[in-house]
Amino acid sequence: MWRHFLRTVEEIADIEHKLAELIKKDEQCRRLQALEGVGPVGALLLKIVLGNPGHFKNGREAAACVGLTPVQHNSSGGKERIGSISRVSGNSRLRSALFQGALATITQLERRPCRTQKEVWLSQLVARRGKKVAAIALVNKTVRTAYALLKQGKEYQPELLAA
């Protein structure tokens, strides 16, 4: 049993090494990893899902593909309400990987001062709405930013705070 465990650990390490090498060679994945909360797995999944930005009209459609846009509820009286995100629709693996990265970003942000405008926005949102709502908002913003980066072919440059 112990040998099987050690062999499995070695296989996981080998796969992680191959993944890291693959991402180092890919320009789009390297650019996507510059986003807050996006690691190697998240970058690869973002590239797979959003790799051809022509599939979407805008960033909102890209976020909807991942399942990050709020669900609209219509009552019989014609009143429209906006609810939470739909966990049924969209790419759950990508959403989960980005959500974990967003939670890690929020945890880091609690331990150090804000350096960018996005971090100020995020810390204020955490104070108002809580960590999980803020994490979903950050994931939504991350997917929209990733869509724009892939479409325009630019590097991510966060807006730094004035010193």
C-alpha atoms as a PDB file:
ATOM      1  CA  MET A   1       0.000   0.000   0.000  1.00  0.00           C
ATOM      2  CA  TRP A   2       2.808   2.422   0.917  1.00  0.00           C
ATOM      3  CA  ARG A   3       4.634   1.662  -2.362  1.00  0.00           C
ATOM      4  CA  HIS A   4       1.470   2.349  -4.302  1.00  0.00           C
ATOM      5  CA  PHE A   5       1.140   5.695  -2.510  1.00  0.00           C
ATOM      6  CA  LEU A   6       4.764   6.628  -3.276  1.00  0.00           C
ATOM      7  CA  ARG A   7       4.335   5.648  -6.930  1.00  0.00           C
ATOM      8  CA  THR A   8       1.207   7.795  -7.143  1.00  0.00           C
ATOM      9  CA  VAL A   9       3.036  10.762  -5.591  1.00  0.00           C
ATOM     10  CA  GLU A  10       5.835  10.343  -8.159  1.00  0.00           C
ATOM     11  CA  GLU A  11       3.309  10.215 -11.008  1.00  0.00           C
ATOM     12  CA  ILE A  12       1.635  13.394  -9.758  1.00  0.00           C
ATOM     13  CA  ALA A  13       5.000  15.165  -9.523  1.00  0.00           C
ATOM     14  CA  ASP A  14       5.836  14.040 -13.063  1.00  0.00           C
ATOM     15  CA  ILE A  15       2.516  15.327 -14.412  1.00  0.00           C
ATOM     16  CA  GLU A  16       2.963  18.656 -12.599  1.00  0.00           C
ATOM     17  CA  HIS A  17       6.469  18.989 -14.073  1.00  0.00           C
ATOM     18  CA  LYS A  18       5.163  18.293 -17.600  1.00  0.00           C
ATOM     19  CA  LEU A  19       2.361  20.818 -17.076  1.00  0.00           C
ATOM     20  CA  ALA A  20       4.837  23.480 -15.931  1.00  0.00           C
ATOM     21  CA  GLU A  21       7.017  22.852 -19.003  1.00  0.00           C
ATOM     22  CA  LEU A  22       3.995  23.040 -21.309  1.00  0.00           C
ATOM     23  CA  ILE A  23       2.879  26.346 -19.813  1.00  0.00           C
ATOM     24  CA  LYS A  24       6.384  27.869 -20.000  1.00  0.00           C
ATOM     25  CA  LYS A  25       6.377  27.250 -23.748  1.00  0.00           C
ATOM     26  CA  ASP A  26       2.902  28.708 -24.320  1.00  0.00           C
ATOM     27  CA  GLU A  27       2.776  32.508 -24.629  1.00  0.00           C
ATOM     28  CA  GLN A  28      -0.965  32.821 -23.902  1.00  0.00           C
ATOM     29  CA  CYS A  29      -0.765  30.706 -20.740  1.00  0.00           C
ATOM     30  CA  ARG A  30       2.201  32.725 -19.523  1.00  0.00           C
ATOM     31  CA  ARG A  31       0.238  35.974 -19.991  1.00  0.00           C
ATOM     32  CA  LEU A  32      -2.852  34.542 -18.285  1.00  0.00           C
ATOM     33  CA  GLN A  33      -0.818  33.534 -15.230  1.00  0.00           C
ATOM     34  CA  ALA A  34      -0.117  37.224 -14.586  1.00  0.00           C
ATOM     35  CA  LEU A  35      -3.781  37.659 -13.567  1.00  0.00           C
ATOM     36  CA  GLU A  36      -4.674  37.626  -9.871  1.00  0.00           C
ATOM     37  CA  GLY A  37      -5.457  34.112  -8.644  1.00  0.00           C
ATOM     38  CA  VAL A  38      -4.578  32.337 -11.896  1.00  0.00           C
ATOM     39  CA  GLY A  39      -2.086  29.502 -11.559  1.00  0.00           C
ATOM     40  CA  PRO A  40      -0.858  26.947 -14.094  1.00  0.00           C
ATOM     41  CA  VAL A  41      -4.059  24.879 -14.132  1.00  0.00           C
ATOM     42  CA  GLY A  42      -6.284  27.956 -14.290  1.00  0.00           C
ATOM     43  CA  ALA A  43      -4.238  29.431 -17.141  1.00  0.00           C
ATOM     44  CA  LEU A  44      -4.439  26.218 -19.143  1.00  0.00           C
ATOM     45  CA  LEU A  45      -8.188  25.876 -18.557  1.00  0.00           C
ATOM     46  CA  LEU A  46      -8.742  29.550 -19.477  1.00  0.00           C
ATOM     47  CA  LYS A  47      -6.832  29.010 -22.704  1.00  0.00           C
ATOM     48  CA  ILE A  48      -8.885  25.920 -23.515  1.00  0.00           C
ATOM     49  CA  VAL A  49     -12.232  27.592 -22.819  1.00  0.00           C
ATOM     50  CA  LEU A  50     -11.464  31.094 -24.144  1.00  0.00           C
ATOM     51  CA  GLY A  51      -8.701  30.165 -26.605  1.00  0.00           C
ATOM     52  CA  ASN A  52     -10.623  31.462 -29.609  1.00  0.00           C
ATOM     53  CA  PRO A  53     -12.042  34.821 -28.478  1.00  0.00           C
ATOM     54  CA  GLY A  54     -14.093  35.024 -31.689  1.00  0.00           C
ATOM     55  CA  HIS A  55     -16.567  32.576 -30.131  1.00  0.00           C
ATOM     56  CA  PHE A  56     -17.859  35.344 -27.851  1.00  0.00           C
ATOM     57  CA  LYS A  57     -19.186  38.833 -28.619  1.00  0.00           C
ATOM     58  CA  ASN A  58     -17.834  40.310 -25.401  1.00  0.00           C
ATOM     59  CA  GLY A  59     -16.451  39.525 -21.953  1.00  0.00           C
ATOM     60  CA  ARG A  60     -19.934  39.046 -20.492  1.00  0.00           C
ATOM     61  CA  GLU A  61     -20.585  36.157 -22.872  1.00  0.00           C
ATOM     62  CA  ALA A  62     -17.233  34.640 -21.931  1.00  0.00           C
ATOM     63  CA  ALA A  63     -18.139  34.923 -18.230  1.00  0.00           C
ATOM     64  CA  ALA A  64     -21.535  33.351 -18.962  1.00  0.00           C
ATOM     65  CA  CYS A  65     -19.781  30.426 -20.667  1.00  0.00           C
ATOM     66  CA  VAL A  66     -17.922  29.781 -17.412  1.00  0.00           C
ATOM     67  CA  GLY A  67     -21.173  30.180 -15.429  1.00  0.00           C
ATOM     68  CA  LEU A  68     -20.363  33.447 -13.664  1.00  0.00           C
ATOM     69  CA  THR A  69     -23.232  35.713 -14.667  1.00  0.00           C
ATOM     70  CA  PRO A  70     -26.230  36.067 -12.349  1.00  0.00           C
ATOM     71  CA  VAL A  71     -29.421  34.163 -13.108  1.00  0.00           C
ATOM     72  CA  GLN A  72     -32.481  36.310 -13.816  1.00  0.00           C
ATOM     73  CA  HIS A  73     -35.771  35.328 -12.190  1.00  0.00           C
ATOM     74  CA  ASN A  74     -39.077  36.553 -13.609  1.00  0.00           C
ATOM     75  CA  SER A  75     -42.129  36.559 -11.399  1.00  0.00           C
ATOM     76  CA  SER A  76     -45.695  36.296 -12.651  1.00  0.00           C
ATOM     77  CA  GLY A  77     -46.174  40.018 -11.998  1.00  0.00           C
ATOM     78  CA  GLY A  78     -43.494  40.868 -14.523  1.00  0.00           C
ATOM     79  CA  LYS A  79     -40.963  41.925 -11.923  1.00  0.00           C
ATOM     80  CA  GLU A  80     -37.452  40.841 -12.777  1.00  0.00           C
ATOM     81  CA  ARG A  81     -34.963  39.894 -10.060  1.00  0.00           C
ATOM     82  CA  ILE A  82     -31.302  39.075 -10.410  1.00  0.00           C
ATOM     83  CA  GLY A  83     -30.127  36.142  -8.322  1.00  0.00           C
ATOM     84  CA  SER A  84     -26.833  34.390  -7.722  1.00  0.00           C
ATOM     85  CA  ILE A  85     -24.693  32.574 -10.286  1.00  0.00           C
ATOM     86  CA  SER A  86     -25.914  29.319 -11.754  1.00  0.00           C
ATOM     87  CA  ARG A  87     -23.776  26.427 -10.590  1.00  0.00           C
ATOM     88  CA  VAL A  88     -25.362  24.101 -13.126  1.00  0.00           C
ATOM     89  CA  SER A  89     -24.341  25.932 -16.289  1.00  0.00           C
ATOM     90  CA  GLY A  90     -20.839  26.688 -17.457  1.00  0.00           C
ATOM     91  CA  ASN A  91     -17.465  25.044 -17.048  1.00  0.00           C
ATOM     92  CA  SER A  92     -17.373  23.927 -13.414  1.00  0.00           C
ATOM     93  CA  ARG A  93     -13.706  22.867 -13.469  1.00  0.00           C
ATOM     94  CA  LEU A  94     -12.521  26.261 -14.652  1.00  0.00           C
ATOM     95  CA  ARG A  95     -14.872  28.054 -12.265  1.00  0.00           C
ATOM     96  CA  SER A  96     -13.627  25.925  -9.359  1.00  0.00           C
ATOM     97  CA  ALA A  97      -9.930  26.435 -10.192  1.00  0.00           C
ATOM     98  CA  LEU A  98     -10.383  30.196 -10.500  1.00  0.00           C
ATOM     99  CA  PHE A  99     -12.502  30.345  -7.329  1.00  0.00           C
ATOM    100  CA  GLN A 100      -9.757  28.639  -5.315  1.00  0.00           C
ATOM    101  CA  GLY A 101      -7.213  31.060  -6.754  1.00  0.00           C
ATOM    102  CA  ALA A 102      -9.447  34.014  -5.898  1.00  0.00           C
ATOM    103  CA  LEU A 103      -9.805  32.815  -2.300  1.00  0.00           C
ATOM    104  CA  ALA A 104      -6.012  32.514  -2.081  1.00  0.00           C
ATOM    105  CA  THR A 105      -5.674  36.065  -3.422  1.00  0.00           C
ATOM    106  CA  ILE A 106      -8.128  37.350  -0.804  1.00  0.00           C
ATOM    107  CA  THR A 107      -6.227  35.547   1.960  1.00  0.00           C
ATOM    108  CA  GLN A 108      -2.940  37.100   0.796  1.00  0.00           C
ATOM    109  CA  LEU A 109      -4.571  40.512   0.616  1.00  0.00           C
ATOM    110  CA  GLU A 110      -5.567  40.291   4.286  1.00  0.00           C
ATOM    111  CA  ARG A 111      -1.888  39.941   5.254  1.00  0.00           C
ATOM    112  CA  ARG A 112      -0.383  42.792   3.237  1.00  0.00           C
ATOM    113  CA  PRO A 113      -1.294  46.290   2.045  1.00  0.00           C
ATOM    114  CA  CYS A 114      -3.003  46.835  -1.307  1.00  0.00           C
ATOM    115  CA  ARG A 115      -0.699  47.529  -4.257  1.00  0.00           C
ATOM    116  CA  THR A 116      -3.157  47.932  -7.143  1.00  0.00           C
ATOM    117  CA  GLN A 117      -6.531  49.549  -7.787  1.00  0.00           C
ATOM    118  CA  LYS A 118      -8.054  46.079  -8.206  1.00  0.00           C
ATOM    119  CA  GLU A 119      -6.784  45.032  -4.766  1.00  0.00           C
ATOM    120  CA  VAL A 120      -8.367  48.144  -3.204  1.00  0.00           C
ATOM    121  CA  TRP A 121     -11.653  47.280  -4.930  1.00  0.00           C
ATOM    122  CA  LEU A 122     -11.376  43.668  -3.757  1.00  0.00           C
ATOM    123  CA  SER A 123     -10.615  44.519  -0.125  1.00  0.00           C
ATOM    124  CA  GLN A 124     -13.555  46.950  -0.021  1.00  0.00           C
ATOM    125  CA  LEU A 125     -15.826  44.302  -1.535  1.00  0.00           C
ATOM    126  CA  VAL A 126     -14.689  41.720   1.040  1.00  0.00           C
ATOM    127  CA  ALA A 127     -15.532  44.185   3.823  1.00  0.00           C
ATOM    128  CA  ARG A 128     -19.000  44.851   2.360  1.00  0.00           C
ATOM    129  CA  ARG A 129     -20.104  41.425   1.099  1.00  0.00           C
ATOM    130  CA  GLY A 130     -17.787  38.732   2.463  1.00  0.00           C
ATOM    131  CA  LYS A 131     -15.034  36.529   1.077  1.00  0.00           C
ATOM    132  CA  LYS A 132     -17.040  34.151  -1.086  1.00  0.00           C
ATOM    133  CA  VAL A 133     -19.084  36.814  -2.868  1.00  0.00           C
ATOM    134  CA  ALA A 134     -15.896  38.825  -3.416  1.00  0.00           C
ATOM    135  CA  ALA A 135     -14.134  35.717  -4.743  1.00  0.00           C
ATOM    136  CA  ILE A 136     -16.875  35.127  -7.334  1.00  0.00           C
ATOM    137  CA  ALA A 137     -16.718  38.811  -8.320  1.00  0.00           C
ATOM    138  CA  LEU A 138     -12.940  38.515  -8.753  1.00  0.00           C
ATOM    139  CA  VAL A 139     -13.343  35.350 -10.850  1.00  0.00           C
ATOM    140  CA  ASN A 140     -15.903  37.146 -13.036  1.00  0.00           C
ATOM    141  CA  LYS A 141     -13.518  40.074 -13.492  1.00  0.00           C
ATOM    142  CA  THR A 142     -10.628  37.673 -14.154  1.00  0.00           C
ATOM    143  CA  VAL A 143     -12.492  35.837 -16.931  1.00  0.00           C
ATOM    144  CA  ARG A 144     -13.501  39.118 -18.579  1.00  0.00           C
ATOM    145  CA  THR A 145      -9.920  40.398 -18.352  1.00  0.00           C
ATOM    146  CA  ALA A 146      -8.569  37.102 -19.718  1.00  0.00           C
ATOM    147  CA  TYR A 147     -10.977  37.360 -22.653  1.00  0.00           C
ATOM    148  CA  ALA A 148      -9.737  40.885 -23.404  1.00  0.00           C
ATOM    149  CA  LEU A 149      -6.075  39.832 -23.103  1.00  0.00           C
ATOM    150  CA  LEU A 150      -6.550  36.908 -25.480  1.00  0.00           C
ATOM    151  CA  LYS A 151      -8.562  38.968 -27.949  1.00  0.00           C
ATOM    152  CA  GLN A 152      -6.134  41.899 -28.037  1.00  0.00           C
ATOM    153  CA  GLY A 153      -2.942  39.872 -27.548  1.00  0.00           C
ATOM    154  CA  LYS A 154      -1.656  42.201 -24.835  1.00  0.00           C
ATOM    155  CA  GLU A 155       0.179  41.718 -21.548  1.00  0.00           C
ATOM    156  CA  TYR A 156      -1.679  42.207 -18.266  1.00  0.00           C
ATOM    157  CA  GLN A 157      -0.701  45.483 -16.615  1.00  0.00           C
ATOM    158  CA  PRO A 158      -2.534  46.131 -13.335  1.00  0.00           C
ATOM    159  CA  GLU A 159      -3.159  49.747 -12.395  1.00  0.00           C
ATOM    160  CA  LEU A 160      -0.746  50.423  -9.529  1.00  0.00           C
ATOM    161  CA  LEU A 161      -1.527  52.759  -6.659  1.00  0.00           C
ATOM    162  CA  ALA A 162       0.292  56.082  -6.576  1.00  0.00           C
ATOM    163  CA  ALA A 163       3.205  56.032  -4.132  1.00  0.00           C
END
